[in-house]
Amino acid sequence: MPRLNSLALAPQASRDSLTFVWSSTVESAADRDVSFGFSVVACGTSRAMWTIASDGSRSLPAQFAYGDSLAGFRTVVPAARLAPGCYDAIVAGARPLRFTVDDAGRATVVGTHR
């Protein structure tokens, strides 16, 4: 069975409290797909708002917040404040997660982007 990974936003996400939820069909953390990196980019651009990278020996934790320092990952692009707009969260092994931040700072998933 192929590994199916998914990326989601934790409930009640906001610009100031944006938590990503990374899940895999694999039960054991030791067997999870390794991650070479994670990025949040402005929709329709290659403008990174936050990028972290690893040597491929680590998996993302099950939950992590925007801008966090994660063990085994180095910051490539420091987290920028998210202005109102559209963003894609991108990690290998999962469909990109598209979300918007509104004028009040609320983050809402608007679908996946291929």
N, C-alpha and C. Protein backbone atom coordinates (compact mmCIF):
# COMPACT_ATOMS: atom_id res chain seq x y z
N MET A 1 0.84 -1.17 0.00
CA MET A 1 0.00 0.00 0.00
C MET A 1 0.89 1.24 0.00
N PRO A 2 0.64 2.20 -0.90
CA PRO A 2 1.47 3.40 -0.93
C PRO A 2 1.21 4.25 0.31
N ARG A 3 2.22 5.00 0.69
CA ARG A 3 2.06 5.89 1.82
C ARG A 3 1.26 7.11 1.39
N LEU A 4 0.28 7.45 2.18
CA LEU A 4 -0.53 8.62 1.89
C LEU A 4 -0.32 9.63 3.01
N ASN A 5 0.27 10.74 2.67
CA ASN A 5 0.53 11.77 3.65
C ASN A 5 -0.44 12.91 3.44
N SER A 6 -0.74 13.62 4.50
CA SER A 6 -1.62 14.77 4.36
C SER A 6 -1.15 15.90 5.26
N LEU A 7 -1.51 17.08 4.86
CA LEU A 7 -1.16 18.29 5.57
C LEU A 7 -2.46 19.05 5.80
N ALA A 8 -2.66 19.53 7.02
CA ALA A 8 -3.89 20.26 7.36
C ALA A 8 -3.53 21.40 8.32
N LEU A 9 -4.49 22.27 8.55
CA LEU A 9 -4.34 23.29 9.57
C LEU A 9 -5.09 22.83 10.81
N ALA A 10 -4.53 23.10 11.98
CA ALA A 10 -5.22 22.79 13.23
C ALA A 10 -6.44 23.70 13.34
N PRO A 11 -7.46 23.26 14.08
CA PRO A 11 -8.67 24.08 14.24
C PRO A 11 -8.36 25.47 14.78
N GLN A 12 -9.18 26.42 14.39
CA GLN A 12 -9.11 27.82 14.82
C GLN A 12 -7.76 28.46 14.53
N ALA A 13 -7.23 28.13 13.37
CA ALA A 13 -5.95 28.70 12.95
C ALA A 13 -6.08 30.20 12.70
N SER A 14 -5.04 30.90 13.05
CA SER A 14 -4.98 32.33 12.76
C SER A 14 -3.56 32.68 12.37
N ARG A 15 -3.39 33.87 11.84
CA ARG A 15 -2.07 34.32 11.43
C ARG A 15 -1.08 34.24 12.60
N ASP A 16 -1.55 34.49 13.81
CA ASP A 16 -0.68 34.50 14.99
C ASP A 16 -0.60 33.15 15.69
N SER A 17 -1.39 32.19 15.24
CA SER A 17 -1.39 30.86 15.84
C SER A 17 -1.69 29.84 14.75
N LEU A 18 -0.75 29.69 13.83
CA LEU A 18 -0.93 28.84 12.67
C LEU A 18 -0.19 27.52 12.90
N THR A 19 -0.95 26.48 13.18
CA THR A 19 -0.36 25.16 13.44
C THR A 19 -0.73 24.21 12.32
N PHE A 20 0.30 23.55 11.78
CA PHE A 20 0.11 22.56 10.73
C PHE A 20 0.05 21.17 11.35
N VAL A 21 -0.78 20.32 10.77
CA VAL A 21 -0.92 18.93 11.21
C VAL A 21 -0.47 18.04 10.06
N TRP A 22 0.58 17.26 10.28
CA TRP A 22 1.19 16.37 9.28
C TRP A 22 0.84 14.96 9.66
N SER A 23 0.21 14.22 8.76
CA SER A 23 -0.14 12.84 9.08
C SER A 23 0.24 11.91 7.95
N SER A 24 0.38 10.65 8.33
CA SER A 24 0.79 9.62 7.39
C SER A 24 -0.02 8.37 7.68
N THR A 25 -0.16 7.50 6.68
CA THR A 25 -0.85 6.22 6.92
C THR A 25 0.01 5.30 7.76
N VAL A 26 1.28 5.64 7.91
CA VAL A 26 2.20 4.82 8.69
C VAL A 26 2.02 5.15 10.16
N GLU A 27 1.85 4.13 10.99
CA GLU A 27 1.59 4.33 12.42
C GLU A 27 2.83 4.78 13.19
N SER A 28 3.96 4.17 12.92
CA SER A 28 5.18 4.42 13.69
C SER A 28 5.91 5.65 13.17
N ALA A 29 6.30 6.54 14.06
CA ALA A 29 7.05 7.73 13.66
C ALA A 29 8.35 7.34 12.98
N ALA A 30 8.94 6.21 13.38
CA ALA A 30 10.20 5.75 12.80
C ALA A 30 10.03 5.35 11.34
N ASP A 31 8.82 4.96 10.97
CA ASP A 31 8.56 4.52 9.60
C ASP A 31 7.97 5.62 8.71
N ARG A 32 7.73 6.78 9.26
CA ARG A 32 7.16 7.88 8.48
C ARG A 32 8.10 8.31 7.38
N ASP A 33 7.51 8.87 6.33
CA ASP A 33 8.32 9.42 5.25
C ASP A 33 9.21 10.52 5.78
N VAL A 34 10.45 10.51 5.35
CA VAL A 34 11.36 11.59 5.73
C VAL A 34 11.00 12.83 4.93
N SER A 35 11.37 13.97 5.44
CA SER A 35 11.07 15.24 4.79
C SER A 35 12.35 16.00 4.52
N PHE A 36 12.48 16.48 3.32
CA PHE A 36 13.64 17.30 2.98
C PHE A 36 13.37 18.76 3.25
N GLY A 37 12.09 19.11 3.40
CA GLY A 37 11.79 20.49 3.68
C GLY A 37 10.31 20.78 3.68
N PHE A 38 10.00 22.00 4.05
CA PHE A 38 8.63 22.49 4.13
C PHE A 38 8.66 23.97 3.80
N SER A 39 7.70 24.43 3.01
CA SER A 39 7.63 25.85 2.66
C SER A 39 6.20 26.35 2.69
N VAL A 40 6.07 27.60 3.03
CA VAL A 40 4.83 28.34 2.82
C VAL A 40 5.17 29.42 1.82
N VAL A 41 4.43 29.44 0.70
CA VAL A 41 4.69 30.42 -0.36
C VAL A 41 3.40 31.18 -0.66
N ALA A 42 3.55 32.41 -1.14
CA ALA A 42 2.39 33.18 -1.59
C ALA A 42 1.83 32.50 -2.84
N CYS A 43 0.52 32.35 -2.91
CA CYS A 43 -0.13 31.67 -4.04
C CYS A 43 0.30 32.28 -5.37
N GLY A 44 0.55 31.41 -6.32
CA GLY A 44 0.87 31.84 -7.67
C GLY A 44 2.27 32.41 -7.84
N THR A 45 3.10 32.28 -6.81
CA THR A 45 4.46 32.81 -6.86
C THR A 45 5.43 31.77 -6.33
N SER A 46 6.68 32.07 -6.38
CA SER A 46 7.69 31.24 -5.72
C SER A 46 8.24 31.99 -4.50
N ARG A 47 7.55 33.05 -4.09
CA ARG A 47 7.98 33.87 -2.95
C ARG A 47 7.73 33.12 -1.64
N ALA A 48 8.81 32.64 -1.05
CA ALA A 48 8.71 31.88 0.20
C ALA A 48 8.48 32.82 1.37
N MET A 49 7.50 32.44 2.19
CA MET A 49 7.22 33.18 3.42
C MET A 49 7.94 32.52 4.60
N TRP A 50 8.19 31.22 4.48
CA TRP A 50 8.93 30.44 5.48
C TRP A 50 9.37 29.15 4.82
N THR A 51 10.63 28.80 4.96
CA THR A 51 11.15 27.55 4.42
C THR A 51 12.12 26.94 5.42
N ILE A 52 11.92 25.65 5.68
CA ILE A 52 12.86 24.88 6.50
C ILE A 52 13.33 23.69 5.67
N ALA A 53 14.52 23.19 5.97
CA ALA A 53 15.08 22.08 5.20
C ALA A 53 15.86 21.15 6.13
N SER A 54 15.94 19.89 5.72
CA SER A 54 16.74 18.91 6.46
C SER A 54 17.58 18.12 5.46
N ASP A 55 18.37 17.21 5.98
CA ASP A 55 19.20 16.38 5.11
C ASP A 55 18.44 15.14 4.64
N GLY A 56 17.17 15.06 4.96
CA GLY A 56 16.36 13.92 4.54
C GLY A 56 16.35 12.78 5.53
N SER A 57 16.93 12.99 6.70
CA SER A 57 16.96 11.93 7.71
C SER A 57 15.86 12.13 8.76
N ARG A 58 15.05 13.15 8.60
CA ARG A 58 14.02 13.48 9.58
C ARG A 58 12.64 13.52 8.94
N SER A 59 11.64 13.26 9.76
CA SER A 59 10.26 13.46 9.36
C SER A 59 9.75 14.69 10.11
N LEU A 60 8.79 15.35 9.52
CA LEU A 60 8.16 16.45 10.22
C LEU A 60 7.42 15.92 11.44
N PRO A 61 7.35 16.69 12.51
CA PRO A 61 6.54 16.25 13.66
C PRO A 61 5.06 16.26 13.29
N ALA A 62 4.25 15.58 14.07
CA ALA A 62 2.81 15.48 13.78
C ALA A 62 2.14 16.85 13.80
N GLN A 63 2.62 17.77 14.62
CA GLN A 63 2.12 19.14 14.65
C GLN A 63 3.28 20.09 14.82
N PHE A 64 3.22 21.20 14.12
CA PHE A 64 4.25 22.22 14.26
C PHE A 64 3.67 23.56 13.87
N ALA A 65 4.16 24.59 14.50
CA ALA A 65 3.63 25.94 14.28
C ALA A 65 4.47 26.68 13.25
N TYR A 66 3.81 27.57 12.53
CA TYR A 66 4.47 28.43 11.55
C TYR A 66 5.59 29.19 12.24
N GLY A 67 6.80 29.07 11.68
CA GLY A 67 7.95 29.79 12.21
C GLY A 67 8.74 29.05 13.26
N ASP A 68 8.25 27.90 13.75
CA ASP A 68 8.96 27.14 14.78
C ASP A 68 10.32 26.66 14.28
N SER A 69 11.25 26.54 15.21
CA SER A 69 12.52 25.85 14.95
C SER A 69 12.27 24.38 15.23
N LEU A 70 12.48 23.54 14.23
CA LEU A 70 12.23 22.11 14.39
C LEU A 70 13.54 21.35 14.45
N ALA A 71 13.65 20.43 15.38
CA ALA A 71 14.87 19.62 15.54
C ALA A 71 15.19 18.93 14.23
N GLY A 72 16.44 19.07 13.77
CA GLY A 72 16.89 18.41 12.56
C GLY A 72 16.61 19.19 11.28
N PHE A 73 15.96 20.34 11.39
CA PHE A 73 15.66 21.19 10.25
C PHE A 73 16.35 22.54 10.45
N ARG A 74 16.88 23.08 9.36
CA ARG A 74 17.48 24.41 9.43
C ARG A 74 16.56 25.40 8.73
N THR A 75 16.57 26.62 9.19
CA THR A 75 15.75 27.65 8.57
C THR A 75 16.46 28.19 7.34
N VAL A 76 15.81 28.11 6.21
CA VAL A 76 16.33 28.63 4.95
C VAL A 76 15.80 30.05 4.72
N VAL A 77 14.50 30.22 4.95
CA VAL A 77 13.85 31.53 4.87
C VAL A 77 13.11 31.73 6.18
N PRO A 78 13.51 32.72 6.99
CA PRO A 78 12.82 32.97 8.25
C PRO A 78 11.34 33.31 8.02
N ALA A 79 10.51 32.94 8.97
CA ALA A 79 9.07 33.19 8.83
C ALA A 79 8.76 34.68 8.78
N ALA A 80 8.04 35.07 7.74
CA ALA A 80 7.58 36.45 7.58
C ALA A 80 6.13 36.54 8.07
N ARG A 81 5.76 37.70 8.52
CA ARG A 81 4.36 37.90 8.94
C ARG A 81 3.46 37.69 7.72
N LEU A 82 2.39 36.95 7.91
CA LEU A 82 1.47 36.66 6.81
C LEU A 82 0.42 37.76 6.70
N ALA A 83 0.50 38.52 5.64
CA ALA A 83 -0.49 39.56 5.36
C ALA A 83 -1.76 38.89 4.85
N PRO A 84 -2.88 39.59 4.84
CA PRO A 84 -4.07 39.00 4.24
C PRO A 84 -3.76 38.56 2.80
N GLY A 85 -4.18 37.35 2.47
CA GLY A 85 -3.91 36.83 1.14
C GLY A 85 -3.98 35.33 1.10
N CYS A 86 -3.50 34.78 0.00
CA CYS A 86 -3.54 33.34 -0.28
C CYS A 86 -2.13 32.76 -0.18
N TYR A 87 -2.05 31.54 0.42
CA TYR A 87 -0.76 30.88 0.62
C TYR A 87 -0.89 29.39 0.35
N ASP A 88 0.21 28.79 -0.09
CA ASP A 88 0.31 27.34 -0.26
C ASP A 88 1.38 26.81 0.69
N ALA A 89 1.02 25.78 1.46
CA ALA A 89 1.98 25.07 2.30
C ALA A 89 2.40 23.83 1.52
N ILE A 90 3.71 23.65 1.36
CA ILE A 90 4.22 22.61 0.45
C ILE A 90 5.21 21.71 1.18
N VAL A 91 4.99 20.42 1.06
CA VAL A 91 5.93 19.42 1.58
C VAL A 91 5.85 18.21 0.64
N ALA A 92 6.98 17.59 0.40
CA ALA A 92 7.00 16.40 -0.47
C ALA A 92 6.16 15.30 0.16
N GLY A 93 5.48 14.56 -0.68
CA GLY A 93 4.71 13.41 -0.20
C GLY A 93 3.28 13.75 0.17
N ALA A 94 2.88 15.01 0.00
CA ALA A 94 1.50 15.41 0.28
C ALA A 94 1.08 16.48 -0.73
N ARG A 95 -0.20 16.57 -0.97
CA ARG A 95 -0.69 17.65 -1.83
C ARG A 95 -0.47 18.98 -1.12
N PRO A 96 -0.14 20.02 -1.86
CA PRO A 96 -0.03 21.33 -1.23
C PRO A 96 -1.34 21.72 -0.56
N LEU A 97 -1.23 22.43 0.53
CA LEU A 97 -2.39 22.90 1.27
C LEU A 97 -2.55 24.39 1.00
N ARG A 98 -3.68 24.76 0.42
CA ARG A 98 -3.94 26.17 0.12
C ARG A 98 -4.82 26.75 1.22
N PHE A 99 -4.40 27.90 1.72
CA PHE A 99 -5.20 28.58 2.74
C PHE A 99 -5.12 30.08 2.54
N THR A 100 -6.09 30.78 3.11
CA THR A 100 -6.08 32.23 3.05
C THR A 100 -6.01 32.79 4.46
N VAL A 101 -5.51 33.99 4.55
CA VAL A 101 -5.54 34.76 5.79
C VAL A 101 -6.38 35.99 5.48
N ASP A 102 -7.43 36.21 6.30
CA ASP A 102 -8.29 37.36 6.04
C ASP A 102 -7.81 38.60 6.80
N ASP A 103 -8.53 39.70 6.64
CA ASP A 103 -8.14 40.96 7.27
C ASP A 103 -8.12 40.88 8.79
N ALA A 104 -8.91 39.97 9.37
CA ALA A 104 -8.95 39.80 10.82
C ALA A 104 -7.86 38.83 11.30
N GLY A 105 -7.11 38.24 10.37
CA GLY A 105 -6.03 37.32 10.74
C GLY A 105 -6.45 35.87 10.78
N ARG A 106 -7.71 35.54 10.48
CA ARG A 106 -8.17 34.15 10.49
C ARG A 106 -7.62 33.41 9.28
N ALA A 107 -7.16 32.20 9.51
CA ALA A 107 -6.65 31.35 8.42
C ALA A 107 -7.70 30.29 8.11
N THR A 108 -7.98 30.12 6.81
CA THR A 108 -9.01 29.18 6.37
C THR A 108 -8.48 28.37 5.18
N VAL A 109 -8.65 27.06 5.26
CA VAL A 109 -8.26 26.19 4.15
C VAL A 109 -9.25 26.42 3.01
N VAL A 110 -8.74 26.60 1.82
CA VAL A 110 -9.60 26.80 0.65
C VAL A 110 -9.46 25.66 -0.34
N GLY A 111 -8.72 24.65 0.01
CA GLY A 111 -8.58 23.49 -0.86
C GLY A 111 -7.12 23.14 -1.06
N THR A 112 -6.91 22.18 -1.93
CA THR A 112 -5.56 21.76 -2.25
C THR A 112 -5.21 22.28 -3.62
N HIS A 113 -3.96 22.43 -3.85
CA HIS A 113 -3.46 22.94 -5.13
C HIS A 113 -2.55 21.89 -5.72
N ARG A 114 -2.77 21.54 -6.93
CA ARG A 114 -1.93 20.50 -7.57
C ARG A 114 -0.69 21.08 -8.16
